[in-house]
Each structure stands twice: as structure tokens, then as C-alpha cells.
Amino acid sequence: MFDFLTNSFKSAINKIRFNDDEKSLKKAIEELKKSLLKADVHHKVVKDLLSNIETDTKNAGIGRENFLKSLSNNLNSVLTATGNYGFVFSSKPPTIVLMTGLQGSGKTTTTGKLANYLKQKNKKVLMAACDLQRMAAVEQLKQISAQIDVDIYYDDFEKNPIVIANNALKKAKDGFYDVLLVDTAGRLAIDEELMEQLQQVKESLNPNEIFYVADSLTGQDAVRSAGTFKERIGISGVILTKYDGDTKGGVAISLAHQINVPLRFLGVGEKMADIEVFIPDRITNRLVGLGDIETLAEKTSAVISEDEAKKITKKIKKGEFNFNDFLDQVENIKKLGSLKSIMGMIPGLGNMANQLKDIDLDNSAELKKIRALIQSMTKKERENPVLLENASRKKRIAQGCGLHINDVNKILKQFKNASKMAKKFSSKKGMQDFLSMMGQQQNSKFSLK
């Protein structure tokens, strides 16, 4: 997601890796300038950012450590705008959110992603289908509603979006919903009719939040359109979509600084789980290659309860982790989003994320083989993998799932090795080794190699 910028920052940092003079600093600044402009960061933002980095580095003393600290601090400053981050709930439910944006920005899909995100936080959510401009929008939201199992309000016979919005609000209040997400109409371009309709919906609902959904692939056009919506409607945050496809990534850096509206979420994939909270200091860590363990931990806790985690850990320690547990955990991982986005959050593994961009847990050929193998087992075999050391059982399973006996042996061996490794890390010594490794990673926060 931030591959281009992260690699560029590392390259700039390395310019002063072995030299701590003004000449090396100048080379590093020049490298940053080229990279930021190429990444489609606005030239004024680039100018201000580089000026501050250069000044701060000189004041602290030219050197790699000080340069990286200055880069991190100033990036964080540029990414920060006045306002809230993530999702803020009203003290008096329901929290009303107006979803706005142009056609093609991914507004309706993002409404579903946000609803799914809130559902994972145990919030009761109602989506309102008020986009009557695009014929397929209501049907699309209906399908999303069924997919994520979140309630929707729509009226196929009503042609006035304001009436639908008000009826949805009544249902949200009567049904004690925590959040009402209102998917409004978009246009191919900003026009007076669009703005007037949105203003009427806003005045009718008096929303707590107005999110502008912008397509990150449009670059600076996304920033300009967000600025126009801020002036005309008064947005409280921006959600950038299709960010996994933006190889440049500079629009995220430009946006908050230019329009002074916080970037609240990033759409990082096609699945409903592929949405991330935008928190400046965490994004800064990812930009300079330090990962984002906090966000990963939050995403994990949303799909795996504390009790479930303890139960699995206990089974692993006892060597009782079985194939039923394995399939359950695969389903949990799928809820976290794409493997690429998960890997990008782990310190030191960001460079591996691109290698996983085509891996889909739903359609992975390897995972299909494993599922077929497990489904060909008896209940006792799933619960007790030791039984599968029997050759006749393996032969029967191979015939049942249509795999060669060599494939069955390979998968069973991988499962056995993975179970052993998990058991090792679950021990006190294994966990100490892991924490020690993570501690070294944090201590070297400003010492990228």
C-alpha cells in the first residue's frame, strides 16, 4: 500500500548512512523531493515538508538517526488535521453518518465496508439506500446487506431521497440502532443539483458525521473535489478508496495538509473487511517501514475474542490443535482482510506484501486442497490428527478428496510442523524469545537497515 513511498524513504535515509555532512543531507533531501513529487504529493506540501525536515535535522545535528526522527515527526505533522480519527459515536444514538462522493468513487461499497467494520465492534447498524441517481446503487446495497448480515432500509416506490432518509432515521430510532449510514446520490462531476440535494438531506437529518468518499487513483483531483465538498457541504472526514491499487500513495499525504480535514479510513482491497482506520502516527510508522502492530492487534481482537484466543492457546500448549481448529482460524484470518494488508502491518515484512497481492484465501488453490482433504476425514480424524499416521486412512482420504497420496503426506507434514512451531512459541521461553525480538525491533525504530 505504501510500497513506493516506503522504498523511497529508505533510499533517502541511506544517502546519509555513512556520511553526516551537509552534502549527504542535500542528497537525501533531493531524493525525497523526487520521490514525493513522483508519488503525486502536492508541490507546496513537498516544499514545506522538506524545508522542515532539513531545518530540524541541522538543528539536531546531521546524521541518519536525526534525519529519520525528523522525517517521522514532520510526516506525522503533515498527515494530521483538525478533527477526529477513526469512528466517533454520538452520546445519543443513533450516530448519523452521511456518505457522500462522486459516482465511481466506491461510495456504496465503502458504506458496506464501514457497516461491516462497525458490526465487528458489536454495533447495531442500519444502512439507508438513498442513492436514487445510479440505478444499480440500491440493488448493490441490498446485496452488500445480505453479504455482511447488516440491516438496510430502502423503498423501491419512493422517489424522494429525503423521505427515504427520514423514514430510515425513524426506523433507526425505533429499532435502537447505534449507527445509521446514509448512502447518498453521486454524480459524474460536481454540479449544483448534486450539492442542493445533499444540502437538503443534511438539513433534514442533521448528521453527526459527513464522510466524503474519494478515489485515491484520481490523485490531486480527489483532493480538489474533497475541498469543494468541504466548502459547499461541510465534511468532517475523508475516506480514500482503492488505496491498494495506488502505487504512488501521495494523495494520503497531501489531503489532510491541503484541506485541513482528517483522513478517517482507507479502503485497501475489494473485500468487505478491507478497510483500515487512518491514524497519523501509525501510518507514519508504516511509511518509514516500521509496520503497524497496533492496528493489526485491533483488527485481530475484533474477530477473535479473548476467550477464543485463550482456548486455542491452551490447545496448542497441550498439542491438541486439530483440523477443525485450523479451519476455524482460516475463517478468522479471512475476516481480517487481504494477506497483503496484514503483512504490511508487521515490522520487517512490508516488502513481502507485494508477493502476496494475488493470494486470495477464498480462491487459493492450496487452501482448496486442504479444505477438500479435511472434508474427506471422519469426525474422529479431524479431532485427533495422530490417527492419520495410519497408511490406509491416508489412502482413503486421498481417494475421497481427489489428491495424490504424496499431496496428502505433504499437507499433513506441514500441519504437523506448524503445530510444533506454534507449541514452541506458546511456551514461556518461546514467548520470551518472541518478545525479545520485538523489543529489538522497537529499540531500532530509528535505525533502519
Protein backbone atom coordinates (compact mmCIF):
# COMPACT_ATOMS: atom_id res chain seq x y z
CA MET A 1 0.00 0.00 0.00
CA PHE A 2 2.83 2.39 0.83
CA ASP A 3 5.50 0.42 -1.04
CA PHE A 4 6.67 3.18 -3.36
CA LEU A 5 6.95 5.82 -0.66
CA THR A 6 8.47 3.44 1.91
CA ASN A 7 11.17 2.32 -0.51
CA SER A 8 11.83 5.94 -1.46
CA PHE A 9 12.20 6.99 2.17
CA LYS A 10 14.62 4.15 2.84
CA SER A 11 16.65 5.19 -0.19
CA ALA A 12 16.81 8.79 1.06
CA ILE A 13 17.80 7.66 4.57
CA ASN A 14 20.64 5.61 3.12
CA LYS A 15 22.06 8.74 1.47
CA ILE A 16 23.38 9.78 4.87
CA ARG A 17 24.05 6.31 6.20
CA PHE A 18 27.82 6.64 6.13
CA ASN A 19 28.23 10.42 5.87
CA ASP A 20 26.92 13.05 8.25
CA ASP A 21 27.69 16.26 6.37
CA GLU A 22 25.56 18.84 4.58
CA LYS A 23 26.38 17.32 1.20
CA SER A 24 24.83 13.97 2.18
CA LEU A 25 21.82 15.74 3.72
CA LYS A 26 21.32 17.65 0.48
CA LYS A 27 21.37 14.39 -1.49
CA ALA A 28 18.82 12.85 0.89
CA ILE A 29 16.53 15.88 0.61
CA GLU A 30 16.81 15.81 -3.19
CA GLU A 31 15.95 12.10 -3.19
CA LEU A 32 12.88 12.80 -1.05
CA LYS A 33 11.80 15.65 -3.30
CA LYS A 34 11.89 13.50 -6.45
CA SER A 35 10.06 10.65 -4.75
CA LEU A 36 7.32 12.77 -3.19
CA LEU A 37 6.59 14.64 -6.41
CA LYS A 38 6.56 11.38 -8.35
CA ALA A 39 4.13 9.97 -5.78
CA ASP A 40 1.74 12.84 -6.60
CA VAL A 41 2.20 14.77 -3.36
CA HIS A 42 1.29 18.41 -3.95
CA HIS A 43 4.34 20.57 -4.67
CA LYS A 44 3.52 23.05 -1.87
CA VAL A 45 3.24 20.22 0.64
CA VAL A 46 6.58 18.83 -0.58
CA LYS A 47 8.23 22.22 -0.22
CA ASP A 48 7.00 22.75 3.36
CA LEU A 49 7.79 19.19 4.42
CA LEU A 50 11.36 19.17 3.08
CA SER A 51 12.13 22.61 4.49
CA ASN A 52 11.09 21.50 7.97
CA ILE A 53 12.99 18.19 7.71
CA GLU A 54 16.18 19.96 6.64
CA THR A 55 15.93 22.60 9.38
CA ASP A 56 15.15 20.10 12.14
CA THR A 57 17.96 17.76 11.06
CA LYS A 58 20.53 20.56 11.04
CA ASN A 59 19.39 21.81 14.44
CA ALA A 60 19.65 18.31 15.94
CA GLY A 61 22.91 17.52 14.16
CA ILE A 62 23.21 15.94 10.73
CA GLY A 63 23.09 12.17 10.95
CA ARG A 64 20.99 9.22 9.97
CA GLU A 65 19.22 8.88 13.32
CA ASN A 66 18.26 12.57 13.50
CA PHE A 67 17.22 12.61 9.84
CA LEU A 68 14.85 9.67 10.36
CA LYS A 69 13.40 11.23 13.52
CA SER A 70 12.82 14.50 11.68
CA LEU A 71 11.26 12.67 8.73
CA SER A 72 8.90 10.76 11.05
CA ASN A 73 7.90 13.81 13.10
CA ASN A 74 7.24 16.03 10.09
CA LEU A 75 5.37 13.33 8.18
CA ASN A 76 3.14 12.87 11.21
CA SER A 77 2.54 16.62 11.33
CA VAL A 78 1.59 16.76 7.63
CA LEU A 79 -0.77 13.80 7.98
CA THR A 80 -2.57 15.37 10.95
CA ALA A 81 -5.56 17.67 10.54
CA THR A 82 -8.00 19.26 12.95
CA GLY A 83 -10.76 16.81 13.85
CA ASN A 84 -11.39 13.21 14.86
CA TYR A 85 -9.86 9.99 13.59
CA GLY A 86 -11.48 6.61 13.18
CA PHE A 87 -15.16 6.48 14.12
CA VAL A 88 -16.63 8.63 16.89
CA PHE A 89 -20.02 7.66 18.32
CA SER A 90 -22.65 10.15 19.40
CA SER A 91 -23.64 10.20 23.07
CA LYS A 92 -27.24 9.99 21.88
CA PRO A 93 -27.75 7.08 19.42
CA PRO A 94 -28.12 6.64 16.59
CA THR A 95 -24.93 8.20 15.25
CA ILE A 96 -25.98 9.51 11.83
CA VAL A 97 -23.37 9.37 9.07
CA LEU A 98 -23.90 10.91 5.64
CA MET A 99 -21.84 9.10 2.99
CA THR A 100 -21.09 11.45 0.08
CA GLY A 101 -18.96 11.27 -3.05
CA LEU A 102 -18.90 11.22 -6.83
CA GLN A 103 -20.02 8.28 -8.94
CA GLY A 104 -17.30 5.68 -9.35
CA SER A 105 -15.51 6.57 -6.12
CA GLY A 106 -16.70 3.40 -4.36
CA LYS A 107 -19.16 5.17 -2.07
CA THR A 108 -21.76 2.39 -1.85
CA THR A 109 -19.14 -0.33 -1.35
CA THR A 110 -17.48 1.81 1.33
CA THR A 111 -20.83 2.21 3.10
CA GLY A 112 -20.93 -1.59 3.33
CA LYS A 113 -17.31 -1.82 4.49
CA LEU A 114 -17.93 0.76 7.21
CA ALA A 115 -21.08 -1.10 8.30
CA ASN A 116 -19.10 -4.34 8.50
CA TYR A 117 -16.32 -2.59 10.47
CA LEU A 118 -18.89 -1.31 12.99
CA LYS A 119 -20.60 -4.69 13.19
CA GLN A 120 -17.24 -6.22 14.19
CA LYS A 121 -17.28 -3.75 17.07
CA ASN A 122 -20.65 -5.12 18.17
CA LYS A 123 -22.62 -2.09 16.99
CA LYS A 124 -26.15 -2.38 15.63
CA VAL A 125 -26.04 -0.74 12.20
CA LEU A 126 -28.71 0.32 9.72
CA MET A 127 -27.83 1.28 6.15
CA ALA A 128 -30.16 3.59 4.21
CA ALA A 129 -30.29 3.31 0.40
CA CYS A 130 -30.77 6.96 -0.63
CA ASP A 131 -28.72 6.91 -3.85
CA LEU A 132 -31.53 7.11 -6.39
CA GLN A 133 -29.31 8.68 -9.05
CA ARG A 134 -27.47 5.48 -10.04
CA MET A 135 -29.97 2.77 -10.93
CA ALA A 136 -27.94 -0.13 -9.55
CA ALA A 137 -26.97 1.57 -6.27
CA VAL A 138 -29.97 0.39 -4.23
CA GLU A 139 -29.66 -3.17 -5.52
CA GLN A 140 -25.92 -3.14 -4.79
CA LEU A 141 -26.53 -2.07 -1.20
CA LYS A 142 -29.17 -4.80 -0.83
CA GLN A 143 -26.61 -7.41 -1.91
CA ILE A 144 -23.99 -6.00 0.45
CA SER A 145 -26.56 -6.05 3.27
CA ALA A 146 -27.17 -9.77 2.71
CA GLN A 147 -23.43 -10.48 2.42
CA ILE A 148 -22.43 -8.86 5.71
CA ASP A 149 -25.73 -9.50 7.52
CA VAL A 150 -26.43 -5.85 8.33
CA ASP A 151 -29.92 -4.31 8.15
CA ILE A 152 -30.90 -1.99 5.32
CA TYR A 153 -33.76 0.45 4.78
CA TYR A 154 -34.96 1.06 1.22
CA ASP A 155 -38.17 1.98 -0.59
CA ASP A 156 -38.49 0.88 -4.20
CA PHE A 157 -41.54 3.09 -4.76
CA GLU A 158 -40.37 6.35 -3.19
CA LYS A 159 -38.51 8.76 -5.50
CA ASN A 160 -37.55 11.39 -2.93
CA PRO A 161 -34.26 10.58 -1.12
CA ILE A 162 -35.13 12.96 1.73
CA VAL A 163 -38.31 11.00 2.52
CA ILE A 164 -36.34 7.74 2.48
CA ALA A 165 -33.64 9.23 4.73
CA ASN A 166 -36.19 10.44 7.28
CA ASN A 167 -38.03 7.11 7.30
CA ALA A 168 -34.69 5.35 7.79
CA LEU A 169 -33.91 7.63 10.72
CA LYS A 170 -37.30 6.81 12.28
CA LYS A 171 -36.56 3.09 11.91
CA ALA A 172 -33.09 3.59 13.42
CA LYS A 173 -34.56 5.35 16.47
CA ASP A 174 -37.44 2.92 16.93
CA GLY A 175 -35.12 -0.07 16.50
CA PHE A 176 -32.48 1.27 18.90
CA TYR A 177 -29.71 1.18 16.28
CA ASP A 178 -26.28 2.50 17.24
CA VAL A 179 -25.42 3.85 13.79
CA LEU A 180 -27.32 4.97 10.68
CA LEU A 181 -25.23 5.04 7.48
CA VAL A 182 -26.92 7.01 4.69
CA ASP A 183 -25.70 6.25 1.16
CA THR A 184 -26.46 9.41 -0.83
CA ALA A 185 -26.51 10.13 -4.56
CA GLY A 186 -23.37 10.90 -6.53
CA ARG A 187 -22.69 12.46 -9.90
CA LEU A 188 -20.02 12.03 -12.55
CA ALA A 189 -18.89 15.54 -11.64
CA ILE A 190 -19.72 18.16 -9.04
CA ASP A 191 -22.81 20.14 -10.07
CA GLU A 192 -25.38 22.44 -8.48
CA GLU A 193 -28.16 19.82 -8.45
CA LEU A 194 -25.99 17.37 -6.51
CA MET A 195 -24.95 19.95 -3.93
CA GLU A 196 -28.50 21.19 -3.43
CA GLN A 197 -29.83 17.67 -2.83
CA LEU A 198 -27.05 16.85 -0.38
CA GLN A 199 -27.67 20.11 1.47
CA GLN A 200 -31.36 19.24 1.81
CA VAL A 201 -30.59 15.75 3.14
CA LYS A 202 -28.07 17.26 5.56
CA GLU A 203 -30.58 19.81 6.88
CA SER A 204 -33.24 17.13 7.23
CA LEU A 205 -31.11 14.61 9.13
CA ASN A 206 -28.66 16.87 10.98
CA PRO A 207 -25.94 14.18 10.76
CA ASN A 208 -23.15 13.70 13.30
CA GLU A 209 -20.63 12.96 10.56
CA ILE A 210 -20.35 13.70 6.84
CA PHE A 211 -17.79 11.48 5.13
CA TYR A 212 -16.54 12.28 1.65
CA VAL A 213 -15.51 9.12 -0.23
CA ALA A 214 -12.70 9.81 -2.71
CA ASP A 215 -11.00 7.59 -5.28
CA SER A 216 -7.26 7.65 -4.48
CA LEU A 217 -6.43 6.72 -8.09
CA THR A 218 -7.59 10.18 -9.22
CA GLY A 219 -4.67 11.77 -7.34
CA GLN A 220 -4.89 15.50 -6.81
CA ASP A 221 -8.40 15.56 -8.30
CA ALA A 222 -9.50 13.69 -5.16
CA VAL A 223 -8.02 16.46 -3.01
CA ARG A 224 -9.67 19.21 -5.08
CA SER A 225 -13.11 17.55 -5.04
CA ALA A 226 -12.82 16.95 -1.27
CA GLY A 227 -12.04 20.65 -0.86
CA THR A 228 -15.15 21.60 -2.84
CA PHE A 229 -17.38 19.32 -0.76
CA LYS A 230 -15.89 20.81 2.39
CA GLU A 231 -16.78 24.34 1.25
CA ARG A 232 -20.28 23.52 -0.01
CA ILE A 233 -21.49 20.78 2.37
CA GLY A 234 -19.07 20.80 5.29
CA ILE A 235 -17.46 17.37 5.52
CA SER A 236 -15.98 16.02 8.76
CA GLY A 237 -13.70 13.41 7.23
CA VAL A 238 -12.47 11.72 4.06
CA ILE A 239 -12.34 8.03 3.19
CA LEU A 240 -9.86 7.11 0.44
CA THR A 241 -10.85 4.09 -1.63
CA LYS A 242 -8.81 1.80 -3.91
CA TYR A 243 -5.68 2.62 -1.96
CA ASP A 244 -4.29 -0.86 -2.53
CA GLY A 245 -4.16 -0.04 -6.24
CA ASP A 246 -2.45 3.34 -5.78
CA THR A 247 1.23 2.58 -6.30
CA LYS A 248 2.11 6.21 -5.63
CA GLY A 249 0.18 6.85 -2.43
CA GLY A 250 0.93 10.57 -2.26
CA VAL A 251 -2.68 11.68 -2.12
CA ALA A 252 -2.92 10.50 1.51
CA ILE A 253 -0.02 12.79 2.46
CA SER A 254 -1.43 15.78 0.58
CA LEU A 255 -5.05 15.58 1.62
CA ALA A 256 -5.09 16.48 5.30
CA HIS A 257 -2.47 19.22 4.89
CA GLN A 258 -4.22 20.87 1.94
CA ILE A 259 -7.87 20.88 3.05
CA ASN A 260 -7.41 20.51 6.83
CA VAL A 261 -9.93 17.69 7.08
CA PRO A 262 -8.79 14.42 8.67
CA LEU A 263 -8.46 11.29 6.58
CA ARG A 264 -10.58 8.81 8.56
CA PHE A 265 -10.36 5.47 6.74
CA LEU A 266 -8.53 3.77 3.87
CA GLY A 267 -10.08 1.23 1.52
CA VAL A 268 -7.31 -1.32 0.94
CA GLY A 269 -8.94 -4.10 -1.06
CA GLU A 270 -12.12 -5.46 -2.59
CA LYS A 271 -13.42 -7.46 0.38
CA MET A 272 -15.77 -6.04 3.00
CA ALA A 273 -13.04 -6.45 5.65
CA ASP A 274 -10.56 -4.36 3.63
CA ILE A 275 -10.97 -1.04 5.41
CA GLU A 276 -8.50 0.47 7.88
CA VAL A 277 -8.69 3.33 10.35
CA PHE A 278 -6.33 6.15 9.42
CA ILE A 279 -4.32 7.25 12.47
CA PRO A 280 -1.41 9.56 11.54
CA ASP A 281 1.35 8.22 13.81
CA ARG A 282 0.56 4.62 12.83
CA ILE A 283 0.61 5.50 9.14
CA THR A 284 3.91 7.32 9.67
CA ASN A 285 5.42 4.13 11.13
CA ARG A 286 4.29 2.19 8.09
CA LEU A 287 5.62 4.81 5.70
CA VAL A 288 9.11 4.56 7.19
CA GLY A 289 8.93 0.75 7.24
CA LEU A 290 8.17 0.13 10.92
CA GLY A 291 4.83 -1.62 10.45
CA ASP A 292 1.63 -1.10 12.45
CA ILE A 293 1.23 -3.70 15.19
CA GLU A 294 -1.45 -1.63 16.98
CA THR A 295 -3.89 -1.72 14.05
CA LEU A 296 -3.20 -5.40 13.43
CA ALA A 297 -3.92 -6.14 17.11
CA GLU A 298 -7.20 -4.20 16.94
CA LYS A 299 -8.31 -5.99 13.78
CA THR A 300 -7.43 -9.35 15.33
CA SER A 301 -9.29 -8.67 18.60
CA ALA A 302 -12.38 -7.73 16.58
CA VAL A 303 -12.64 -11.20 15.01
CA ILE A 304 -11.04 -13.39 17.70
CA SER A 305 -12.43 -12.97 21.21
CA GLU A 306 -10.19 -13.13 24.27
CA ASP A 307 -11.89 -16.36 25.40
CA GLU A 308 -11.41 -17.96 21.98
CA ALA A 309 -7.75 -16.91 21.90
CA LYS A 310 -7.17 -18.42 25.37
CA LYS A 311 -8.92 -21.62 24.32
CA ILE A 312 -6.78 -22.00 21.18
CA THR A 313 -3.58 -21.17 23.09
CA LYS A 314 -4.43 -23.80 25.69
CA LYS A 315 -4.99 -26.42 22.98
CA ILE A 316 -1.73 -25.51 21.24
CA LYS A 317 0.22 -25.81 24.51
CA LYS A 318 -1.23 -29.28 25.08
CA GLY A 319 -0.60 -30.30 21.47
CA GLU A 320 -4.34 -30.69 20.90
CA PHE A 321 -4.72 -28.23 18.00
CA ASN A 322 -6.70 -30.13 15.34
CA PHE A 323 -8.04 -29.69 11.81
CA ASN A 324 -11.36 -28.24 12.99
CA ASP A 325 -9.41 -25.55 14.85
CA PHE A 326 -7.33 -24.94 11.73
CA LEU A 327 -10.38 -24.28 9.52
CA ASP A 328 -11.89 -22.01 12.19
CA GLN A 329 -8.71 -19.91 12.28
CA VAL A 330 -8.57 -19.68 8.47
CA GLU A 331 -12.09 -18.23 8.55
CA ASN A 332 -10.97 -15.72 11.20
CA ILE A 333 -7.96 -14.66 9.15
CA LYS A 334 -10.22 -14.05 6.15
CA LYS A 335 -12.19 -11.56 8.25
CA LEU A 336 -9.00 -9.51 8.82
CA GLY A 337 -8.82 -8.57 5.13
CA SER A 338 -6.25 -9.29 2.44
CA LEU A 339 -2.98 -11.03 3.31
CA LYS A 340 -1.14 -8.16 1.63
CA SER A 341 -2.57 -5.57 4.04
CA ILE A 342 -1.90 -7.83 7.05
CA MET A 343 1.75 -8.38 6.08
CA GLY A 344 2.21 -4.65 5.54
CA MET A 345 1.43 -4.05 9.22
CA ILE A 346 4.12 -6.41 10.53
CA PRO A 347 7.53 -4.75 11.12
CA GLY A 348 10.14 -6.02 8.69
CA LEU A 349 7.66 -7.89 6.49
CA GLY A 350 6.32 -4.95 4.47
CA ASN A 351 8.49 -5.86 1.49
CA MET A 352 6.83 -9.28 1.34
CA ALA A 353 3.36 -7.76 0.93
CA ASN A 354 3.65 -7.37 -2.84
CA GLN A 355 4.45 -11.06 -3.21
CA LEU A 356 1.06 -11.81 -1.65
CA LYS A 357 -1.03 -9.43 -3.73
CA ASP A 358 -2.55 -12.21 -5.83
CA ILE A 359 -3.23 -14.62 -2.95
CA ASP A 360 -6.94 -14.90 -2.19
CA LEU A 361 -7.83 -17.03 0.81
CA ASP A 362 -11.24 -17.74 -0.71
CA ASN A 363 -9.83 -18.99 -4.01
CA SER A 364 -6.32 -20.18 -3.12
CA ALA A 365 -5.62 -23.49 -4.89
CA GLU A 366 -3.56 -24.72 -1.93
CA LEU A 367 -6.30 -23.88 0.55
CA LYS A 368 -8.89 -25.63 -1.62
CA LYS A 369 -6.76 -28.79 -1.47
CA ILE A 370 -6.52 -28.55 2.33
CA ARG A 371 -10.27 -28.00 2.69
CA ALA A 372 -11.02 -30.97 0.42
CA LEU A 373 -8.61 -33.12 2.44
CA ILE A 374 -10.16 -32.14 5.79
CA GLN A 375 -13.70 -32.63 4.49
CA SER A 376 -12.73 -36.19 3.48
CA MET A 377 -11.76 -37.03 7.06
CA THR A 378 -14.01 -38.61 9.65
CA LYS A 379 -15.02 -36.59 12.71
CA LYS A 380 -12.51 -38.51 14.85
CA GLU A 381 -9.68 -37.92 12.36
CA ARG A 382 -10.31 -34.16 12.35
CA GLU A 383 -10.25 -34.05 16.13
CA ASN A 384 -7.23 -36.35 16.51
CA PRO A 385 -4.59 -35.81 13.75
CA VAL A 386 -2.45 -38.64 15.25
CA LEU A 387 -4.86 -41.15 13.68
CA LEU A 388 -3.65 -40.03 10.26
CA GLU A 389 -0.31 -41.74 10.75
CA ASN A 390 -2.17 -44.84 9.55
CA ALA A 391 -1.37 -45.50 5.85
CA SER A 392 -4.79 -46.95 4.99
CA ARG A 393 -6.55 -43.89 6.41
CA LYS A 394 -4.37 -41.58 4.30
CA LYS A 395 -5.07 -43.68 1.20
CA ARG A 396 -8.83 -43.47 1.82
CA ILE A 397 -8.67 -39.70 2.34
CA ALA A 398 -6.59 -39.23 -0.84
CA GLN A 399 -9.24 -41.07 -2.85
CA GLY A 400 -12.02 -39.11 -1.18
CA CYS A 401 -10.58 -35.67 -1.95
CA GLY A 402 -9.06 -36.50 -5.34
CA LEU A 403 -5.47 -35.82 -4.29
CA HIS A 404 -2.34 -37.89 -4.82
CA ILE A 405 -1.08 -39.65 -1.69
CA ASN A 406 2.11 -37.53 -1.93
CA ASP A 407 0.00 -34.35 -1.67
CA VAL A 408 -1.79 -35.74 1.38
CA ASN A 409 1.52 -36.60 3.05
CA LYS A 410 2.89 -33.14 2.26
CA ILE A 411 -0.11 -31.31 3.75
CA LEU A 412 -0.15 -33.49 6.86
CA LYS A 413 3.58 -32.90 7.36
CA GLN A 414 3.12 -29.13 7.02
CA PHE A 415 0.28 -29.19 9.57
CA LYS A 416 2.41 -31.21 11.99
CA ASN A 417 5.39 -28.85 11.65
CA ALA A 418 3.18 -25.78 12.05
CA SER A 419 1.63 -27.27 15.21
CA LYS A 420 5.08 -27.93 16.66
CA MET A 421 6.22 -24.37 15.92
CA ALA A 422 3.05 -22.91 17.44
CA LYS A 423 3.53 -25.04 20.56
CA LYS A 424 7.12 -23.82 20.86
CA PHE A 425 6.10 -20.16 20.67
CA SER A 426 3.27 -20.72 23.15
CA SER A 427 5.77 -21.79 25.81
CA LYS A 428 7.20 -19.26 28.25
CA LYS A 429 10.67 -19.42 26.72
CA GLY A 430 9.31 -19.21 23.18
CA MET A 431 7.25 -16.15 24.08
CA GLN A 432 10.26 -14.55 25.78
CA ASP A 433 12.29 -15.08 22.61
CA PHE A 434 9.50 -13.52 20.56
CA LEU A 435 9.13 -10.51 22.88
CA SER A 436 12.90 -10.09 22.88
CA MET A 437 12.86 -10.00 19.09
CA MET A 438 10.03 -7.44 19.08
CA GLY A 439 11.84 -5.36 21.68
CA GLN A 440 14.94 -5.24 19.49
CA GLN A 441 12.71 -4.16 16.62
CA GLN A 442 11.27 -1.30 18.68
CA ASN A 443 14.70 -0.27 20.00
CA SER A 444 15.93 0.02 16.43
CA LYS A 445 12.92 2.15 15.48
CA PHE A 446 15.18 4.89 14.20
CA SER A 447 17.86 2.57 12.87
CA LEU A 448 16.51 1.11 9.62
CA LYS A 449 18.91 -1.14 7.75
